């Protein structure tokens, strides 16, 4: 969204990573996304597996994890696009390539 909006990407990421939403994970993944560095830190296919397990367990408890379900859909599409053995940051390529 930042890239398509015309905002200064560096400044916007600085605000996000140093403000309230900033966390070590957000900082690491946003840096990898910006650099296009998808060297595996946590494989996208493993995140997909873990999210799937989480949603299965939530279903057993009659819980709906909407955010996790949306994330799983994104990671599944990234897997289908050939990014399964890359870092989870590679999921950004789906957004970048969509019209």
PDB file of N, CA and C in Angstrom:
ATOM      1  N   UNK A   1       0.816  -1.170   0.000  1.00  0.00           N
ATOM      2  CA  UNK A   1       0.000   0.000   0.000  1.00  0.00           C
ATOM      3  C   UNK A   1       0.870   1.248   0.000  1.00  0.00           C
ATOM      4  N   UNK A   2       1.935   1.180   0.771  1.00  0.00           N
ATOM      5  CA  UNK A   2       2.854   2.322   0.830  1.00  0.00           C
ATOM      6  C   UNK A   2       3.418   2.613  -0.555  1.00  0.00           C
ATOM      7  N   UNK A   3       3.876   1.565  -1.240  1.00  0.00           N
ATOM      8  CA  UNK A   3       4.489   1.754  -2.549  1.00  0.00           C
ATOM      9  C   UNK A   3       3.500   2.314  -3.567  1.00  0.00           C
ATOM     10  N   UNK A   4       2.274   1.854  -3.536  1.00  0.00           N
ATOM     11  CA  UNK A   4       1.279   2.310  -4.508  1.00  0.00           C
ATOM     12  C   UNK A   4       0.724   3.694  -4.176  1.00  0.00           C
ATOM     13  N   UNK A   5       0.805   4.097  -2.922  1.00  0.00           N
ATOM     14  CA  UNK A   5       0.206   5.372  -2.509  1.00  0.00           C
ATOM     15  C   UNK A   5       1.038   6.581  -2.910  1.00  0.00           C
ATOM     16  N   UNK A   6       2.302   6.344  -3.212  1.00  0.00           N
ATOM     17  CA  UNK A   6       3.184   7.454  -3.537  1.00  0.00           C
ATOM     18  C   UNK A   6       3.874   8.042  -2.318  1.00  0.00           C
ATOM     19  N   UNK A   7       3.600   7.478  -1.147  1.00  0.00           N
ATOM     20  CA  UNK A   7       4.295   7.926   0.057  1.00  0.00           C
ATOM     21  C   UNK A   7       5.775   7.591  -0.047  1.00  0.00           C
ATOM     22  N   UNK A   8       6.571   8.319   0.672  1.00  0.00           N
ATOM     23  CA  UNK A   8       7.995   8.019   0.756  1.00  0.00           C
ATOM     24  C   UNK A   8       8.129   6.714   1.538  1.00  0.00           C
ATOM     25  N   UNK A   9       8.556   5.653   0.858  1.00  0.00           N
ATOM     26  CA  UNK A   9       8.614   4.328   1.482  1.00  0.00           C
ATOM     27  C   UNK A   9       9.523   4.308   2.699  1.00  0.00           C
ATOM     28  N   UNK A  10      10.682   4.911   2.592  1.00  0.00           N
ATOM     29  CA  UNK A  10      11.630   4.918   3.702  1.00  0.00           C
ATOM     30  C   UNK A  10      11.025   5.590   4.926  1.00  0.00           C
ATOM     31  N   UNK A  11      10.425   6.742   4.736  1.00  0.00           N
ATOM     32  CA  UNK A  11       9.837   7.490   5.861  1.00  0.00           C
ATOM     33  C   UNK A  11       8.637   6.749   6.456  1.00  0.00           C
ATOM     34  N   UNK A  12       7.778   6.206   5.596  1.00  0.00           N
ATOM     35  CA  UNK A  12       6.601   5.487   6.083  1.00  0.00           C
ATOM     36  C   UNK A  12       7.006   4.258   6.896  1.00  0.00           C
ATOM     37  N   UNK A  13       7.995   3.524   6.419  1.00  0.00           N
ATOM     38  CA  UNK A  13       8.452   2.351   7.166  1.00  0.00           C
ATOM     39  C   UNK A  13       9.125   2.754   8.474  1.00  0.00           C
ATOM     40  N   UNK A  14       9.797   3.881   8.468  1.00  0.00           N
ATOM     41  CA  UNK A  14      10.405   4.390   9.693  1.00  0.00           C
ATOM     42  C   UNK A  14       9.331   4.664  10.743  1.00  0.00           C
ATOM     43  N   UNK A  15       8.246   5.281  10.325  1.00  0.00           N
ATOM     44  CA  UNK A  15       7.136   5.568  11.242  1.00  0.00           C
ATOM     45  C   UNK A  15       6.531   4.266  11.757  1.00  0.00           C
ATOM     46  N   UNK A  16       6.287   3.322  10.861  1.00  0.00           N
ATOM     47  CA  UNK A  16       5.666   2.057  11.259  1.00  0.00           C
ATOM     48  C   UNK A  16       6.559   1.210  12.166  1.00  0.00           C
ATOM     49  N   UNK A  17       7.828   1.147  11.852  1.00  0.00           N
ATOM     50  CA  UNK A  17       8.709   0.264  12.624  1.00  0.00           C
ATOM     51  C   UNK A  17       9.168   0.874  13.930  1.00  0.00           C
ATOM     52  N   UNK A  18       9.116   2.195  14.058  1.00  0.00           N
ATOM     53  CA  UNK A  18       9.536   2.832  15.307  1.00  0.00           C
ATOM     54  C   UNK A  18       8.369   3.303  16.152  1.00  0.00           C
ATOM     55  N   UNK A  19       7.171   3.253  15.607  1.00  0.00           N
ATOM     56  CA  UNK A  19       5.987   3.662  16.349  1.00  0.00           C
ATOM     57  C   UNK A  19       5.366   2.484  17.075  1.00  0.00           C
ATOM     58  N   UNK A  20       4.120   2.654  17.462  1.00  0.00           N
ATOM     59  CA  UNK A  20       3.401   1.628  18.223  1.00  0.00           C
ATOM     60  C   UNK A  20       3.374   0.252  17.549  1.00  0.00           C
ATOM     61  N   UNK A  21       3.193   0.184  16.202  1.00  0.00           N
ATOM     62  CA  UNK A  21       3.159  -1.149  15.592  1.00  0.00           C
ATOM     63  C   UNK A  21       4.531  -1.799  15.460  1.00  0.00           C
ATOM     64  N   UNK A  22       5.577  -1.040  15.711  1.00  0.00           N
ATOM     65  CA  UNK A  22       6.929  -1.557  15.515  1.00  0.00           C
ATOM     66  C   UNK A  22       7.251  -2.694  16.466  1.00  0.00           C
ATOM     67  N   UNK A  23       7.804  -3.731  15.939  1.00  0.00           N
ATOM     68  CA  UNK A  23       8.267  -4.874  16.716  1.00  0.00           C
ATOM     69  C   UNK A  23       9.488  -5.414  15.985  1.00  0.00           C
ATOM     70  N   UNK A  24      10.274  -6.231  16.649  1.00  0.00           N
ATOM     71  CA  UNK A  24      11.424  -6.809  15.942  1.00  0.00           C
ATOM     72  C   UNK A  24      11.011  -7.555  14.666  1.00  0.00           C
ATOM     73  N   UNK A  25       9.889  -8.253  14.705  1.00  0.00           N
ATOM     74  CA  UNK A  25       9.448  -8.986  13.519  1.00  0.00           C
ATOM     75  C   UNK A  25       9.049  -8.027  12.401  1.00  0.00           C
ATOM     76  N   UNK A  26       8.287  -6.981  12.727  1.00  0.00           N
ATOM     77  CA  UNK A  26       7.883  -6.005  11.715  1.00  0.00           C
ATOM     78  C   UNK A  26       9.120  -5.359  11.101  1.00  0.00           C
ATOM     79  N   UNK A  27      10.083  -5.020  11.927  1.00  0.00           N
ATOM     80  CA  UNK A  27      11.307  -4.394  11.426  1.00  0.00           C
ATOM     81  C   UNK A  27      12.070  -5.328  10.496  1.00  0.00           C
ATOM     82  N   UNK A  28      12.211  -6.563  10.888  1.00  0.00           N
ATOM     83  CA  UNK A  28      12.965  -7.536  10.089  1.00  0.00           C
ATOM     84  C   UNK A  28      12.274  -7.821   8.762  1.00  0.00           C
ATOM     85  N   UNK A  29      10.982  -8.102   8.824  1.00  0.00           N
ATOM     86  CA  UNK A  29      10.259  -8.460   7.606  1.00  0.00           C
ATOM     87  C   UNK A  29      10.157  -7.271   6.659  1.00  0.00           C
ATOM     88  N   UNK A  30       9.899  -6.069   7.183  1.00  0.00           N
ATOM     89  CA  UNK A  30       9.799  -4.904   6.297  1.00  0.00           C
ATOM     90  C   UNK A  30      11.144  -4.606   5.637  1.00  0.00           C
ATOM     91  N   UNK A  31      12.223  -4.812   6.349  1.00  0.00           N
ATOM     92  CA  UNK A  31      13.552  -4.619   5.759  1.00  0.00           C
ATOM     93  C   UNK A  31      13.786  -5.617   4.633  1.00  0.00           C
ATOM     94  N   UNK A  32      13.410  -6.855   4.858  1.00  0.00           N
ATOM     95  CA  UNK A  32      13.577  -7.890   3.826  1.00  0.00           C
ATOM     96  C   UNK A  32      12.706  -7.599   2.611  1.00  0.00           C
ATOM     97  N   UNK A  33      11.467  -7.143   2.874  1.00  0.00           N
ATOM     98  CA  UNK A  33      10.561  -6.818   1.767  1.00  0.00           C
ATOM     99  C   UNK A  33      11.123  -5.671   0.936  1.00  0.00           C
ATOM    100  N   UNK A  34      11.607  -4.646   1.602  1.00  0.00           N
ATOM    101  CA  UNK A  34      12.147  -3.477   0.915  1.00  0.00           C
ATOM    102  C   UNK A  34      13.355  -3.843   0.070  1.00  0.00           C
ATOM    103  N   UNK A  35      14.214  -4.680   0.616  1.00  0.00           N
ATOM    104  CA  UNK A  35      15.446  -5.069  -0.082  1.00  0.00           C
ATOM    105  C   UNK A  35      15.217  -6.178  -1.111  1.00  0.00           C
ATOM    106  N   UNK A  36      14.050  -6.829  -1.048  1.00  0.00           N
ATOM    107  CA  UNK A  36      13.830  -7.973  -1.930  1.00  0.00           C
ATOM    108  C   UNK A  36      14.696  -9.152  -1.541  1.00  0.00           C
ATOM    109  N   UNK A  37      15.064  -9.190  -0.254  1.00  0.00           N
ATOM    110  CA  UNK A  37      15.919 -10.262   0.262  1.00  0.00           C
ATOM    111  C   UNK A  37      15.032 -11.333   0.884  1.00  0.00           C
ATOM    112  N   UNK A  38      14.852 -12.417   0.171  1.00  0.00           N
ATOM    113  CA  UNK A  38      13.986 -13.488   0.648  1.00  0.00           C
ATOM    114  C   UNK A  38      14.792 -14.718   1.076  1.00  0.00           C
ATOM    115  N   UNK A  39      16.042 -14.476   1.463  1.00  0.00           N
ATOM    116  CA  UNK A  39      16.849 -15.543   2.031  1.00  0.00           C
ATOM    117  C   UNK A  39      16.090 -16.071   3.246  1.00  0.00           C
ATOM    118  N   UNK A  40      15.871 -17.372   3.327  1.00  0.00           N
ATOM    119  CA  UNK A  40      15.022 -17.898   4.388  1.00  0.00           C
ATOM    120  C   UNK A  40      15.517 -17.593   5.804  1.00  0.00           C
ATOM    121  N   UNK A  41      14.641 -16.986   6.545  1.00  0.00           N
ATOM    122  CA  UNK A  41      14.777 -16.855   7.990  1.00  0.00           C
ATOM    123  C   UNK A  41      13.691 -17.734   8.598  1.00  0.00           C
ATOM    124  N   UNK A  42      12.489 -17.609   8.050  1.00  0.00           N
ATOM    125  CA  UNK A  42      11.385 -18.509   8.369  1.00  0.00           C
ATOM    126  C   UNK A  42      10.678 -18.793   7.053  1.00  0.00           C
ATOM    127  N   UNK A  43      10.729 -20.047   6.634  1.00  0.00           N
ATOM    128  CA  UNK A  43      10.192 -20.435   5.339  1.00  0.00           C
ATOM    129  C   UNK A  43       8.699 -20.145   5.226  1.00  0.00           C
ATOM    130  N   UNK A  44       8.327 -19.602   4.103  1.00  0.00           N
ATOM    131  CA  UNK A  44       6.928 -19.298   3.838  1.00  0.00           C
ATOM    132  C   UNK A  44       6.074 -20.562   3.929  1.00  0.00           C
ATOM    133  N   UNK A  45       6.572 -21.673   3.428  1.00  0.00           N
ATOM    134  CA  UNK A  45       5.791 -22.912   3.482  1.00  0.00           C
ATOM    135  C   UNK A  45       5.552 -23.383   4.918  1.00  0.00           C
ATOM    136  N   UNK A  46       6.509 -23.103   5.820  1.00  0.00           N
ATOM    137  CA  UNK A  46       6.320 -23.483   7.220  1.00  0.00           C
ATOM    138  C   UNK A  46       5.311 -22.570   7.911  1.00  0.00           C
ATOM    139  N   UNK A  47       5.310 -21.295   7.544  1.00  0.00           N
ATOM    140  CA  UNK A  47       4.307 -20.383   8.086  1.00  0.00           C
ATOM    141  C   UNK A  47       2.920 -20.812   7.631  1.00  0.00           C
ATOM    142  N   UNK A  48       2.823 -21.227   6.372  1.00  0.00           N
ATOM    143  CA  UNK A  48       1.552 -21.698   5.828  1.00  0.00           C
ATOM    144  C   UNK A  48       1.067 -22.908   6.614  1.00  0.00           C
ATOM    145  N   UNK A  49       1.957 -23.837   6.862  1.00  0.00           N
ATOM    146  CA  UNK A  49       1.613 -25.040   7.635  1.00  0.00           C
ATOM    147  C   UNK A  49       1.148 -24.664   9.034  1.00  0.00           C
ATOM    148  N   UNK A  50       1.884 -23.783   9.697  1.00  0.00           N
ATOM    149  CA  UNK A  50       1.544 -23.393  11.065  1.00  0.00           C
ATOM    150  C   UNK A  50       0.204 -22.666  11.143  1.00  0.00           C
ATOM    151  N   UNK A  51      -0.033 -21.781  10.188  1.00  0.00           N
ATOM    152  CA  UNK A  51      -1.325 -21.082  10.167  1.00  0.00           C
ATOM    153  C   UNK A  51      -2.466 -22.057   9.937  1.00  0.00           C
ATOM    154  N   UNK A  52      -2.246 -23.021   9.065  1.00  0.00           N
ATOM    155  CA  UNK A  52      -3.270 -24.035   8.809  1.00  0.00           C
ATOM    156  C   UNK A  52      -3.574 -24.825  10.080  1.00  0.00           C
ATOM    157  N   UNK A  53      -2.551 -25.250  10.793  1.00  0.00           N
ATOM    158  CA  UNK A  53      -2.756 -25.966  12.058  1.00  0.00           C
ATOM    159  C   UNK A  53      -3.502 -25.098  13.071  1.00  0.00           C
ATOM    160  N   UNK A  54      -3.137 -23.841  13.141  1.00  0.00           N
ATOM    161  CA  UNK A  54      -3.792 -22.928  14.087  1.00  0.00           C
ATOM    162  C   UNK A  54      -5.281 -22.791  13.775  1.00  0.00           C
ATOM    163  N   UNK A  55      -5.586 -22.648  12.513  1.00  0.00           N
ATOM    164  CA  UNK A  55      -6.986 -22.509  12.120  1.00  0.00           C
ATOM    165  C   UNK A  55      -7.772 -23.797  12.349  1.00  0.00           C
ATOM    166  N   UNK A  56      -7.137 -24.921  12.152  1.00  0.00           N
ATOM    167  CA  UNK A  56      -7.804 -26.196  12.431  1.00  0.00           C
ATOM    168  C   UNK A  56      -8.128 -26.322  13.919  1.00  0.00           C
ATOM    169  N   UNK A  57      -7.182 -25.950  14.756  1.00  0.00           N
ATOM    170  CA  UNK A  57      -7.413 -26.015  16.206  1.00  0.00           C
ATOM    171  C   UNK A  57      -8.480 -25.015  16.638  1.00  0.00           C
ATOM    172  N   UNK A  58      -8.439 -23.822  16.086  1.00  0.00           N
ATOM    173  CA  UNK A  58      -9.452 -22.811  16.412  1.00  0.00           C
ATOM    174  C   UNK A  58     -10.836 -23.309  16.015  1.00  0.00           C
ATOM    175  N   UNK A  59     -10.920 -23.963  14.859  1.00  0.00           N
ATOM    176  CA  UNK A  59     -12.200 -24.503  14.405  1.00  0.00           C
ATOM    177  C   UNK A  59     -12.745 -25.525  15.395  1.00  0.00           C
ATOM    178  N   UNK A  60     -11.867 -26.348  15.951  1.00  0.00           N
ATOM    179  CA  UNK A  60     -12.291 -27.336  16.957  1.00  0.00           C
ATOM    180  C   UNK A  60     -12.876 -26.653  18.187  1.00  0.00           C
ATOM    181  N   UNK A  61     -12.437 -25.435  18.453  1.00  0.00           N
ATOM    182  CA  UNK A  61     -12.904 -24.677  19.609  1.00  0.00           C
ATOM    183  C   UNK A  61     -14.024 -23.699  19.236  1.00  0.00           C
ATOM    184  N   UNK A  62     -14.525 -23.841  18.008  1.00  0.00           N
ATOM    185  CA  UNK A  62     -15.584 -22.963  17.485  1.00  0.00           C
ATOM    186  C   UNK A  62     -15.180 -21.495  17.486  1.00  0.00           C
ATOM    187  N   UNK A  63     -13.915 -21.268  17.163  1.00  0.00           N
ATOM    188  CA  UNK A  63     -13.396 -19.905  17.055  1.00  0.00           C
ATOM    189  C   UNK A  63     -13.112 -19.591  15.594  1.00  0.00           C
ATOM    190  N   UNK A  64     -13.342 -18.353  15.223  1.00  0.00           N
ATOM    191  CA  UNK A  64     -13.019 -17.899  13.870  1.00  0.00           C
ATOM    192  C   UNK A  64     -11.899 -16.874  13.981  1.00  0.00           C
ATOM    193  N   UNK A  65     -10.745 -17.203  13.431  1.00  0.00           N
ATOM    194  CA  UNK A  65      -9.588 -16.311  13.457  1.00  0.00           C
ATOM    195  C   UNK A  65      -9.475 -15.647  12.082  1.00  0.00           C
ATOM    196  N   UNK A  66     -10.212 -14.560  11.906  1.00  0.00           N
ATOM    197  CA  UNK A  66     -10.300 -13.913  10.595  1.00  0.00           C
ATOM    198  C   UNK A  66      -8.960 -13.430  10.063  1.00  0.00           C
ATOM    199  N   UNK A  67      -8.156 -12.841  10.921  1.00  0.00           N
ATOM    200  CA  UNK A  67      -6.863 -12.332  10.472  1.00  0.00           C
ATOM    201  C   UNK A  67      -5.947 -13.481  10.060  1.00  0.00           C
ATOM    202  N   UNK A  68      -5.944 -14.539  10.839  1.00  0.00           N
ATOM    203  CA  UNK A  68      -5.125 -15.705  10.501  1.00  0.00           C
ATOM    204  C   UNK A  68      -5.608 -16.346   9.205  1.00  0.00           C
ATOM    205  N   UNK A  69      -6.922 -16.381   8.997  1.00  0.00           N
ATOM    206  CA  UNK A  69      -7.469 -16.960   7.760  1.00  0.00           C
ATOM    207  C   UNK A  69      -7.051 -16.134   6.547  1.00  0.00           C
ATOM    208  N   UNK A  70      -7.071 -14.817   6.681  1.00  0.00           N
ATOM    209  CA  UNK A  70      -6.645 -13.951   5.579  1.00  0.00           C
ATOM    210  C   UNK A  70      -5.154 -14.127   5.306  1.00  0.00           C
ATOM    211  N   UNK A  71      -4.372 -14.242   6.366  1.00  0.00           N
ATOM    212  CA  UNK A  71      -2.929 -14.453   6.205  1.00  0.00           C
ATOM    213  C   UNK A  71      -2.670 -15.793   5.520  1.00  0.00           C
ATOM    214  N   UNK A  72      -3.392 -16.825   5.935  1.00  0.00           N
ATOM    215  CA  UNK A  72      -3.210 -18.142   5.325  1.00  0.00           C
ATOM    216  C   UNK A  72      -3.509 -18.087   3.830  1.00  0.00           C
ATOM    217  N   UNK A  73      -4.560 -17.400   3.459  1.00  0.00           N
ATOM    218  CA  UNK A  73      -4.901 -17.276   2.038  1.00  0.00           C
ATOM    219  C   UNK A  73      -3.761 -16.610   1.262  1.00  0.00           C
ATOM    220  N   UNK A  74      -3.197 -15.573   1.832  1.00  0.00           N
ATOM    221  CA  UNK A  74      -2.075 -14.884   1.184  1.00  0.00           C
ATOM    222  C   UNK A  74      -0.876 -15.809   1.047  1.00  0.00           C
ATOM    223  N   UNK A  75      -0.539 -16.520   2.114  1.00  0.00           N
ATOM    224  CA  UNK A  75       0.613 -17.416   2.065  1.00  0.00           C
ATOM    225  C   UNK A  75       0.374 -18.588   1.111  1.00  0.00           C
ATOM    226  N   UNK A  76      -0.863 -19.086   1.041  1.00  0.00           N
ATOM    227  CA  UNK A  76      -1.157 -20.159   0.095  1.00  0.00           C
ATOM    228  C   UNK A  76      -0.963 -19.684  -1.344  1.00  0.00           C
ATOM    229  N   UNK A  77      -1.394 -18.458  -1.630  1.00  0.00           N
ATOM    230  CA  UNK A  77      -1.201 -17.900  -2.976  1.00  0.00           C
ATOM    231  C   UNK A  77       0.286 -17.717  -3.260  1.00  0.00           C
ATOM    232  N   UNK A  78       1.033 -17.295  -2.263  1.00  0.00           N
ATOM    233  CA  UNK A  78       2.481 -17.132  -2.436  1.00  0.00           C
ATOM    234  C   UNK A  78       3.147 -18.477  -2.692  1.00  0.00           C
ATOM    235  N   UNK A  79       2.658 -19.505  -2.012  1.00  0.00           N
ATOM    236  CA  UNK A  79       3.185 -20.852  -2.252  1.00  0.00           C
ATOM    237  C   UNK A  79       2.902 -21.262  -3.698  1.00  0.00           C
ATOM    238  N   UNK A  80       1.680 -21.027  -4.151  1.00  0.00           N
ATOM    239  CA  UNK A  80       1.294 -21.393  -5.514  1.00  0.00           C
ATOM    240  C   UNK A  80       2.118 -20.625  -6.547  1.00  0.00           C
ATOM    241  N   UNK A  81       2.578 -19.442  -6.166  1.00  0.00           N
ATOM    242  CA  UNK A  81       3.413 -18.632  -7.071  1.00  0.00           C
ATOM    243  C   UNK A  81       4.885 -19.023  -7.008  1.00  0.00           C
ATOM    244  N   UNK A  82       5.203 -20.044  -6.211  1.00  0.00           N
ATOM    245  CA  UNK A  82       6.569 -20.551  -6.179  1.00  0.00           C
ATOM    246  C   UNK A  82       7.465 -19.972  -5.106  1.00  0.00           C
ATOM    247  N   UNK A  83       6.885 -19.347  -4.081  1.00  0.00           N
ATOM    248  CA  UNK A  83       7.688 -18.712  -3.032  1.00  0.00           C
ATOM    249  C   UNK A  83       7.814 -19.546  -1.753  1.00  0.00           C
ATOM    250  N   UNK A  84       7.381 -20.787  -1.772  1.00  0.00           N
ATOM    251  CA  UNK A  84       7.347 -21.616  -0.566  1.00  0.00           C
ATOM    252  C   UNK A  84       8.667 -21.804   0.145  1.00  0.00           C
ATOM    253  N   UNK A  85       9.755 -21.853  -0.598  1.00  0.00           N
ATOM    254  CA  UNK A  85      11.067 -22.070   0.017  1.00  0.00           C
ATOM    255  C   UNK A  85      11.837 -20.776   0.245  1.00  0.00           C
ATOM    256  N   UNK A  86      11.113 -19.665   0.185  1.00  0.00           N
ATOM    257  CA  UNK A  86      11.704 -18.360   0.473  1.00  0.00           C
ATOM    258  C   UNK A  86      11.220 -17.894   1.842  1.00  0.00           C
ATOM    259  N   UNK A  87      11.782 -16.811   2.302  1.00  0.00           N
ATOM    260  CA  UNK A  87      11.361 -16.215   3.566  1.00  0.00           C
ATOM    261  C   UNK A  87       9.914 -15.732   3.459  1.00  0.00           C
ATOM    262  N   UNK A  88       9.238 -15.626   4.602  1.00  0.00           N
ATOM    263  CA  UNK A  88       7.850 -15.157   4.610  1.00  0.00           C
ATOM    264  C   UNK A  88       7.707 -13.776   3.971  1.00  0.00           C
ATOM    265  N   UNK A  89       8.766 -12.996   3.960  1.00  0.00           N
ATOM    266  CA  UNK A  89       8.725 -11.665   3.354  1.00  0.00           C
ATOM    267  C   UNK A  89       8.397 -11.725   1.863  1.00  0.00           C
ATOM    268  N   UNK A  90       8.624 -12.863   1.234  1.00  0.00           N
ATOM    269  CA  UNK A  90       8.355 -12.998  -0.200  1.00  0.00           C
ATOM    270  C   UNK A  90       6.868 -12.866  -0.524  1.00  0.00           C
ATOM    271  N   UNK A  91       6.010 -12.962   0.465  1.00  0.00           N
ATOM    272  CA  UNK A  91       4.572 -12.811   0.235  1.00  0.00           C
ATOM    273  C   UNK A  91       4.250 -11.435  -0.354  1.00  0.00           C
ATOM    274  N   UNK A  92       5.093 -10.454  -0.133  1.00  0.00           N
ATOM    275  CA  UNK A  92       4.877  -9.104  -0.680  1.00  0.00           C
ATOM    276  C   UNK A  92       4.845  -9.126  -2.201  1.00  0.00           C
ATOM    277  N   UNK A  93       5.496 -10.086  -2.804  1.00  0.00           N
ATOM    278  CA  UNK A  93       5.534 -10.151  -4.269  1.00  0.00           C
ATOM    279  C   UNK A  93       4.138 -10.337  -4.868  1.00  0.00           C
ATOM    280  N   UNK A  94       3.224 -10.933  -4.134  1.00  0.00           N
ATOM    281  CA  UNK A  94       1.847 -11.079  -4.621  1.00  0.00           C
ATOM    282  C   UNK A  94       1.188  -9.719  -4.755  1.00  0.00           C
ATOM    283  N   UNK A  95       1.431  -8.860  -3.794  1.00  0.00           N
ATOM    284  CA  UNK A  95       0.862  -7.513  -3.807  1.00  0.00           C
ATOM    285  C   UNK A  95       1.525  -6.699  -4.909  1.00  0.00           C
ATOM    286  N   UNK A  96       2.811  -6.796  -5.012  1.00  0.00           N
ATOM    287  CA  UNK A  96       3.541  -6.038  -6.025  1.00  0.00           C
ATOM    288  C   UNK A  96       3.143  -6.428  -7.439  1.00  0.00           C
ATOM    289  N   UNK A  97       2.827  -7.695  -7.651  1.00  0.00           N
ATOM    290  CA  UNK A  97       2.520  -8.163  -8.995  1.00  0.00           C
ATOM    291  C   UNK A  97       1.041  -8.051  -9.332  1.00  0.00           C
ATOM    292  N   UNK A  98       0.186  -7.747  -8.339  1.00  0.00           N
ATOM    293  CA  UNK A  98      -1.248  -7.662  -8.627  1.00  0.00           C
ATOM    294  C   UNK A  98      -1.565  -6.326  -9.285  1.00  0.00           C
ATOM    295  N   UNK A  99      -2.590  -6.350 -10.068  1.00  0.00           N
ATOM    296  CA  UNK A  99      -2.984  -5.120 -10.759  1.00  0.00           C
ATOM    297  C   UNK A  99      -4.213  -4.514 -10.150  1.00  0.00           C
TER     298      UNK A  99
END
